[in-house]
N, C-alpha and C. Protein backbone atom coordinates (compact mmCIF):
# COMPACT_ATOMS: atom_id res chain seq x y z
N MET A 1 -12.02 28.32 2.08
CA MET A 1 -11.32 26.62 1.30
C MET A 1 -10.82 26.34 -0.17
N PRO A 2 -10.41 26.27 -0.97
CA PRO A 2 -10.13 26.03 -1.87
C PRO A 2 -10.49 24.41 -2.30
N GLU A 3 -11.21 25.41 -3.24
CA GLU A 3 -11.65 23.71 -3.99
C GLU A 3 -9.65 22.26 -4.58
N ILE A 4 -11.10 22.00 -4.66
CA ILE A 4 -9.91 20.63 -4.77
C ILE A 4 -9.30 19.58 -6.34
N GLY A 5 -8.60 20.72 -6.53
CA GLY A 5 -8.12 19.98 -8.56
C GLY A 5 -7.65 19.55 -8.79
N LYS A 6 -7.42 18.84 -9.60
CA LYS A 6 -6.27 18.00 -9.89
C LYS A 6 -5.40 18.23 -9.99
N SER A 7 -4.42 19.05 -10.10
CA SER A 7 -2.68 19.10 -9.53
C SER A 7 -2.99 19.94 -7.92
N SER A 8 -3.66 19.13 -6.97
CA SER A 8 -3.78 19.75 -6.07
C SER A 8 -3.26 18.53 -5.11
N PRO A 9 -2.31 18.57 -3.59
CA PRO A 9 -1.15 17.88 -3.16
C PRO A 9 -2.33 16.19 -3.20
N ALA A 10 -3.60 16.87 -2.64
CA ALA A 10 -5.10 15.84 -1.69
C ALA A 10 -5.06 15.48 -3.19
N SER A 11 -5.41 15.38 -4.26
CA SER A 11 -6.31 15.12 -5.23
C SER A 11 -4.69 13.75 -5.93
N ARG A 12 -4.04 13.84 -5.87
CA ARG A 12 -3.03 13.49 -6.23
C ARG A 12 -2.79 12.15 -6.80
N PRO A 13 -2.64 11.80 -4.93
CA PRO A 13 -2.99 10.44 -5.21
C PRO A 13 -4.31 9.15 -6.42
N ARG A 14 -5.52 9.59 -5.72
CA ARG A 14 -5.98 8.98 -6.73
C ARG A 14 -6.29 9.67 -8.46
N ALA A 15 -5.38 10.92 -9.09
CA ALA A 15 -5.15 10.90 -9.97
C ALA A 15 -4.14 9.86 -10.78
N ALA A 16 -3.42 10.17 -9.61
CA ALA A 16 -2.59 8.54 -10.05
C ALA A 16 -2.94 7.11 -9.79
N ALA A 17 -4.02 6.21 -9.06
CA ALA A 17 -4.36 5.31 -9.35
C ALA A 17 -5.03 4.77 -9.84
N ALA A 18 -6.19 6.05 -10.28
CA ALA A 18 -7.39 6.46 -11.33
C ALA A 18 -6.46 5.28 -12.95
N ALA A 19 -4.99 6.43 -13.34
CA ALA A 19 -4.60 6.52 -13.91
C ALA A 19 -4.00 4.64 -14.50
N ALA A 20 -3.33 4.56 -13.55
CA ALA A 20 -2.81 2.97 -13.38
C ALA A 20 -3.84 1.83 -14.08
N ALA A 21 -5.24 2.15 -13.18
CA ALA A 21 -6.53 1.22 -13.40
C ALA A 21 -6.76 1.70 -14.28
N SER A 22 -6.33 2.39 -15.06
CA SER A 22 -6.41 2.76 -16.36
C SER A 22 -5.61 1.71 -18.25
N GLY A 23 -4.77 1.54 -17.34
CA GLY A 23 -2.94 1.42 -18.01
C GLY A 23 -2.69 2.43 -18.35
N ALA A 24 -2.34 3.32 -18.29
CA ALA A 24 -1.69 4.69 -18.17
C ALA A 24 -0.44 3.54 -17.80
N ASP A 25 0.83 3.96 -18.21
CA ASP A 25 2.00 4.00 -16.63
C ASP A 25 2.28 4.40 -15.44
N PRO A 26 1.80 3.52 -14.22
CA PRO A 26 1.36 4.28 -13.55
C PRO A 26 2.54 4.71 -12.13
N GLY A 27 3.95 3.96 -12.43
CA GLY A 27 4.97 4.21 -11.83
C GLY A 27 5.60 4.81 -12.40
N ARG A 28 5.82 5.45 -13.35
CA ARG A 28 5.99 6.97 -13.77
C ARG A 28 5.52 8.23 -12.90
N ALA A 29 4.03 7.85 -13.31
CA ALA A 29 3.17 8.78 -13.17
C ALA A 29 2.71 9.04 -10.78
N ALA A 30 2.95 7.95 -10.45
CA ALA A 30 3.51 7.50 -8.98
C ALA A 30 4.87 8.65 -8.74
N LEU A 31 5.36 8.52 -9.22
CA LEU A 31 7.22 8.64 -9.54
C LEU A 31 7.34 9.98 -9.56
N ALA A 32 6.84 10.73 -10.26
CA ALA A 32 6.81 11.80 -10.99
C ALA A 32 5.68 13.29 -9.86
N LEU A 33 4.54 12.66 -9.39
CA LEU A 33 4.46 12.99 -8.44
C LEU A 33 4.46 12.87 -6.79
N ALA A 34 5.38 12.26 -6.25
CA ALA A 34 5.57 11.95 -4.96
C ALA A 34 6.73 10.15 -4.61
N PRO A 35 8.34 11.02 -4.90
CA PRO A 35 8.90 9.99 -5.00
C PRO A 35 9.07 9.61 -3.81
N ASP A 36 9.30 11.10 -2.87
CA ASP A 36 10.17 10.59 -2.25
C ASP A 36 8.93 10.33 -0.74
N ASP A 37 7.45 10.77 -0.69
CA ASP A 37 6.61 11.09 0.01
C ASP A 37 6.19 9.45 0.57
N PRO A 38 6.80 8.86 1.54
CA PRO A 38 5.75 7.76 2.44
C PRO A 38 4.23 8.00 2.67
N ASP A 39 3.78 9.17 2.69
CA ASP A 39 2.58 8.99 2.75
C ASP A 39 1.12 8.95 1.71
N SER A 40 1.79 10.11 0.67
CA SER A 40 1.38 9.67 -0.75
C SER A 40 1.82 8.52 -1.37
N LEU A 41 3.29 7.96 -1.27
CA LEU A 41 3.37 6.26 -1.71
C LEU A 41 1.68 5.68 -1.56
N ASN A 42 1.86 5.57 0.37
CA ASN A 42 1.03 4.55 0.96
C ASN A 42 -0.25 4.55 0.34
N THR A 43 -1.54 5.81 0.58
CA THR A 43 -1.73 6.26 -0.28
C THR A 43 -2.44 5.67 -1.44
N LEU A 44 -1.01 5.92 -2.43
CA LEU A 44 -1.68 6.04 -4.01
C LEU A 44 -1.35 4.17 -3.99
N ALA A 45 -0.68 2.97 -3.94
CA ALA A 45 -0.80 1.53 -3.15
C ALA A 45 -1.70 1.68 -2.64
N TRP A 46 -2.74 1.56 -1.47
CA TRP A 46 -3.82 1.95 -0.85
C TRP A 46 -4.86 2.12 -2.04
N THR A 47 -5.25 3.10 -2.27
CA THR A 47 -5.94 3.67 -3.50
C THR A 47 -6.43 1.95 -5.20
N LEU A 48 -4.91 1.79 -4.91
CA LEU A 48 -5.37 1.02 -5.77
C LEU A 48 -5.28 -0.07 -5.74
N VAL A 49 -5.10 -0.89 -4.32
CA VAL A 49 -5.39 -2.09 -4.17
C VAL A 49 -7.31 -2.26 -3.67
N THR A 50 -7.39 -1.35 -3.76
CA THR A 50 -8.94 -1.47 -2.66
C THR A 50 -10.00 -0.93 -4.14
N ALA A 51 -9.40 -0.14 -5.26
CA ALA A 51 -10.12 0.40 -6.23
C ALA A 51 -10.71 -0.87 -6.90
N PRO A 52 -11.82 -0.86 -7.14
CA PRO A 52 -13.39 -1.78 -8.05
C PRO A 52 -12.21 -2.04 -9.05
N GLY A 53 -12.41 -3.67 -8.49
CA GLY A 53 -11.11 -4.30 -10.47
C GLY A 53 -10.29 -4.27 -9.92
N ALA A 54 -9.43 -4.45 -9.25
CA ALA A 54 -8.74 -4.32 -9.15
C ALA A 54 -7.49 -4.78 -9.73
N LYS A 55 -6.03 -5.80 -10.59
CA LYS A 55 -5.78 -6.92 -11.18
C LYS A 55 -4.78 -7.01 -10.37
N PRO A 56 -4.57 -8.98 -10.62
CA PRO A 56 -2.77 -8.13 -10.47
C PRO A 56 -1.73 -7.65 -10.74
N GLU A 57 -2.58 -7.11 -11.81
CA GLU A 57 -1.11 -6.34 -11.59
C GLU A 57 -1.02 -4.79 -11.32
N HIS A 58 -2.61 -4.53 -10.53
CA HIS A 58 -2.44 -3.02 -10.09
C HIS A 58 -1.74 -4.06 -8.78
N GLY A 59 -1.64 -5.26 -8.54
CA GLY A 59 -1.10 -5.21 -6.52
C GLY A 59 0.55 -5.23 -6.79
N ALA A 60 0.90 -6.06 -8.48
CA ALA A 60 2.38 -6.01 -8.00
C ALA A 60 2.44 -4.06 -8.31
N THR A 61 2.04 -3.44 -8.94
CA THR A 61 2.48 -1.77 -8.83
C THR A 61 2.43 -1.70 -7.37
N ALA A 62 1.14 -1.41 -6.51
CA ALA A 62 1.61 -1.30 -5.45
C ALA A 62 2.06 -2.01 -4.16
N ALA A 63 2.64 -3.30 -4.59
CA ALA A 63 3.39 -3.82 -3.95
C ALA A 63 5.12 -2.83 -4.15
N ARG A 64 5.03 -1.82 -5.26
CA ARG A 64 6.42 -1.71 -5.22
C ARG A 64 6.51 -0.28 -4.72
N TRP A 65 4.66 0.96 -4.72
CA TRP A 65 4.77 1.44 -3.83
C TRP A 65 4.99 1.56 -2.56
N ALA A 66 4.14 0.50 -1.84
CA ALA A 66 3.84 0.13 -0.66
C ALA A 66 5.79 0.65 -0.05
N ALA A 67 6.25 -0.94 -1.29
CA ALA A 67 7.44 -1.18 -0.52
C ALA A 67 8.64 0.26 -0.43
N ARG A 68 8.01 0.61 -1.68
CA ARG A 68 9.73 2.25 -1.55
C ARG A 68 8.67 3.21 -0.44
N SER A 69 7.57 3.08 -0.03
CA SER A 69 7.43 3.88 0.91
C SER A 69 7.66 3.22 2.62
N VAL A 70 8.07 2.09 2.61
CA VAL A 70 8.39 1.38 3.87
C VAL A 70 10.37 1.78 4.12
N GLU A 71 10.90 1.93 2.83
CA GLU A 71 12.07 2.10 2.31
C GLU A 71 12.09 3.02 3.43
N LEU A 72 11.42 3.84 2.68
CA LEU A 72 11.47 5.91 2.93
C LEU A 72 11.37 6.03 4.99
N ILE A 73 10.12 4.87 5.70
CA ILE A 73 10.41 5.22 6.60
C ILE A 73 11.04 4.32 7.43
N ARG A 74 11.38 3.88 7.09
CA ARG A 74 13.07 2.96 8.37
C ARG A 74 13.99 4.60 7.85
N THR A 75 13.78 4.62 7.39
CA THR A 75 15.66 4.58 6.94
C THR A 75 14.79 6.76 7.78
N ARG A 76 14.02 7.12 7.89
CA ARG A 76 13.27 8.51 8.14
C ARG A 76 12.72 7.62 9.50
N GLY A 77 11.76 6.93 10.26
CA GLY A 77 11.80 6.23 10.96
C GLY A 77 10.47 7.47 11.81
N PRO A 78 9.32 7.89 11.30
CA PRO A 78 8.66 8.87 11.49
C PRO A 78 7.23 7.34 13.09
N GLY A 79 7.62 6.28 12.55
CA GLY A 79 7.01 5.69 14.05
C GLY A 79 6.72 4.87 13.76
N ARG A 80 6.51 3.69 14.70
CA ARG A 80 5.89 1.82 14.64
C ARG A 80 4.96 2.31 13.98
N ASN A 81 3.63 3.04 14.49
CA ASN A 81 2.04 2.95 13.80
C ASN A 81 2.37 2.67 12.57
N THR A 82 3.04 3.94 11.86
CA THR A 82 2.67 4.09 10.80
C THR A 82 3.64 3.10 10.21
N LEU A 83 4.36 2.62 10.62
CA LEU A 83 5.39 1.32 9.30
C LEU A 83 4.23 0.01 9.47
N ALA A 84 4.23 0.11 10.66
CA ALA A 84 3.32 -1.21 10.10
C ALA A 84 1.82 -1.26 9.78
N GLY A 85 1.36 0.06 9.65
CA GLY A 85 0.66 0.72 8.61
C GLY A 85 0.74 0.04 6.61
N VAL A 86 2.51 1.40 7.03
CA VAL A 86 2.11 0.29 5.40
C VAL A 86 2.31 -0.35 5.21
N LEU A 87 2.77 -1.07 6.21
CA LEU A 87 3.71 -2.74 6.31
C LEU A 87 1.98 -3.19 6.05
N ASP A 88 1.38 -2.95 6.44
CA ASP A 88 -0.41 -4.09 6.10
C ASP A 88 -0.58 -3.68 4.78
N THR A 89 -0.79 -2.21 4.12
CA THR A 89 -0.39 -2.04 2.96
C THR A 89 0.36 -2.55 1.92
N LEU A 90 1.22 -3.03 1.86
CA LEU A 90 2.48 -4.10 0.95
C LEU A 90 1.47 -5.28 1.52
N ALA A 91 1.09 -6.24 2.44
CA ALA A 91 0.68 -7.54 1.99
C ALA A 91 -0.21 -7.52 1.85
N ALA A 92 -0.81 -6.42 1.51
CA ALA A 92 -2.88 -6.89 0.36
C ALA A 92 -2.27 -6.25 -0.19
N ALA A 93 -1.22 -5.95 -0.54
CA ALA A 93 -0.09 -5.35 -3.07
C ALA A 93 0.03 -7.20 -2.62
N TYR A 94 0.21 -6.96 -1.74
CA TYR A 94 1.28 -8.90 -2.29
C TYR A 94 0.24 -9.60 -2.59
N LEU A 95 -0.71 -10.17 -1.96
CA LEU A 95 -1.29 -11.06 -1.97
C LEU A 95 -2.71 -10.71 -3.03
N LEU A 96 -2.99 -9.47 -3.44
CA LEU A 96 -3.73 -9.39 -4.68
C LEU A 96 -2.19 -9.50 -6.43
N ALA A 97 -1.96 -9.79 -5.95
CA ALA A 97 -0.37 -9.53 -6.24
C ALA A 97 -0.49 -11.46 -7.28
N GLY A 98 -0.95 -12.07 -5.70
CA GLY A 98 -1.02 -13.13 -6.19
C GLY A 98 0.46 -13.83 -4.81
N ASP A 99 0.85 -13.48 -4.24
CA ASP A 99 1.84 -13.58 -3.70
C ASP A 99 1.85 -13.71 -2.82
N ALA A 100 1.09 -14.80 -2.01
CA ALA A 100 0.10 -15.04 -0.61
C ALA A 100 1.63 -15.05 0.59
N ALA A 101 3.05 -15.77 0.42
CA ALA A 101 3.85 -16.17 1.62
C ALA A 101 4.19 -14.94 1.65
N LYS A 102 4.16 -14.01 0.62
CA LYS A 102 4.96 -12.25 1.44
C LYS A 102 3.72 -11.84 1.74
N ALA A 103 2.65 -11.20 1.95
CA ALA A 103 1.79 -11.28 2.35
C ALA A 103 1.57 -11.61 3.61
N VAL A 104 1.94 -13.04 3.82
CA VAL A 104 1.97 -13.25 4.67
C VAL A 104 3.58 -12.86 6.23
N GLU A 105 4.33 -12.55 5.39
CA GLU A 105 5.24 -12.13 6.20
C GLU A 105 5.58 -10.44 6.60
N ALA A 106 4.91 -10.09 5.03
CA ALA A 106 4.64 -8.74 5.49
C ALA A 106 3.35 -8.11 6.72
N GLN A 107 2.76 -9.17 6.87
CA GLN A 107 1.76 -8.48 7.55
C GLN A 107 1.66 -9.31 8.98
N ARG A 108 2.81 -9.95 9.46
CA ARG A 108 3.44 -10.67 10.22
C ARG A 108 4.49 -9.29 11.22
N GLU A 109 5.04 -9.36 10.43
CA GLU A 109 6.02 -7.37 10.81
C GLU A 109 4.90 -6.36 11.17
N ALA A 110 3.55 -5.70 10.85
CA ALA A 110 2.50 -5.75 10.49
C ALA A 110 2.34 -5.20 12.15
N VAL A 111 2.43 -6.75 12.33
CA VAL A 111 1.30 -6.49 13.22
C VAL A 111 2.37 -6.58 14.70
N GLU A 112 3.67 -7.51 14.69
CA GLU A 112 4.79 -7.16 15.38
C GLU A 112 4.93 -5.34 15.67
N LEU A 113 4.91 -5.37 15.24
CA LEU A 113 5.30 -3.00 15.45
C LEU A 113 3.66 -2.69 15.32
N ALA A 114 2.81 -2.56 15.64
CA ALA A 114 1.57 -2.29 15.85
C ALA A 114 0.70 -2.04 17.09
N GLU A 115 0.49 -0.84 17.33
CA GLU A 115 0.65 -0.65 18.40
C GLU A 115 -0.81 -1.03 18.92
N PRO A 116 -1.44 -1.94 20.03
CA PRO A 116 -2.33 -2.46 20.97
C PRO A 116 -3.89 -1.91 19.92
N GLY A 117 -3.84 -0.71 20.05
CA GLY A 117 -5.01 -0.09 19.37
C GLY A 117 -5.86 -0.82 17.51
N LEU A 118 -3.97 -1.30 16.89
CA LEU A 118 -4.23 -0.44 16.09
C LEU A 118 -3.80 -2.96 15.72
N LYS A 119 -3.58 -3.20 16.74
CA LYS A 119 -3.13 -4.74 16.79
C LYS A 119 -4.24 -6.10 16.13
N ALA A 120 -5.10 -5.60 16.74
CA ALA A 120 -6.56 -6.74 16.22
C ALA A 120 -7.29 -6.33 14.55
N GLU A 121 -6.83 -5.13 14.11
CA GLU A 121 -7.48 -4.84 13.49
C GLU A 121 -6.40 -6.11 12.05
N LEU A 122 -4.73 -5.46 12.92
CA LEU A 122 -4.12 -6.30 11.10
C LEU A 122 -3.53 -7.92 11.79
N GLU A 123 -4.38 -8.26 13.16
CA GLU A 123 -4.44 -9.56 13.32
C GLU A 123 -5.90 -9.87 12.18
N VAL A 124 -5.93 -9.54 11.84
CA VAL A 124 -7.68 -9.83 11.49
C VAL A 124 -7.34 -9.89 9.24
N ASN A 125 -6.36 -9.24 8.67
CA ASN A 125 -5.88 -9.27 7.98
C ASN A 125 -5.12 -10.33 7.78
N LEU A 126 -4.14 -10.65 8.81
CA LEU A 126 -2.76 -11.74 8.71
C LEU A 126 -3.55 -12.96 8.84
N ARG A 127 -4.96 -13.32 9.47
CA ARG A 127 -5.33 -14.11 9.23
C ARG A 127 -6.53 -14.83 8.22
N LYS A 128 -6.73 -14.04 7.31
CA LYS A 128 -7.11 -13.83 6.42
C LYS A 128 -5.44 -14.40 4.90
N TYR A 129 -4.63 -13.91 5.36
CA TYR A 129 -3.47 -14.02 4.23
C TYR A 129 -3.05 -15.60 4.68
N GLU A 130 -3.17 -16.02 5.88
CA GLU A 130 -2.40 -16.53 6.03
C GLU A 130 -3.06 -18.00 5.56
N GLU A 131 -4.98 -18.18 5.14
CA GLU A 131 -5.88 -18.86 4.61
C GLU A 131 -5.58 -18.98 3.74
N ALA A 132 -5.32 -17.87 2.97
CA ALA A 132 -5.11 -17.46 1.13
C ALA A 132 -3.82 -18.49 1.04
N LEU A 133 -2.98 -18.06 1.66
CA LEU A 133 -1.39 -19.50 1.19
C LEU A 133 -1.76 -20.83 1.34
N GLN A 134 -2.75 -21.17 2.68
CA GLN A 134 -2.51 -22.50 2.59
C GLN A 134 -3.74 -23.29 1.89
N ARG A 135 -4.67 -22.06 1.06
CA ARG A 135 -5.59 -22.62 0.00
C ARG A 135 -5.01 -22.37 -1.42
N LYS A 136 -3.77 -22.27 -1.49
CA LYS A 136 -2.36 -22.47 -2.12
C LYS A 136 -1.93 -23.80 -2.44
């Protein structure tokens, strides 16, 4: 099995997220790496949202990536669970960016679309986002 290097597809999301966290222009890096791949965009967004030291500006960037992934999935229609998972990422990005109302909205849609196996996990996140909205 070949070693995963900086140029391999598997390493690209991590490299772009690391670039974003370091202050490089993450949007340009992400678009160059995977402009129309919803899975890569979602992975980039989730990696950025969950990175140690993630900041509100990282949430805004992650929200752009996740929103693009949602748009692509809605156009291509790969499946409800996939859309629910990406909406979960979008909600987390909105929350990090400081927009709890949008986080709740995205998460509610994720819960509605989720299959039973994923629904319970997404409902836990929804409760967290609703609590964050109430604290504002």
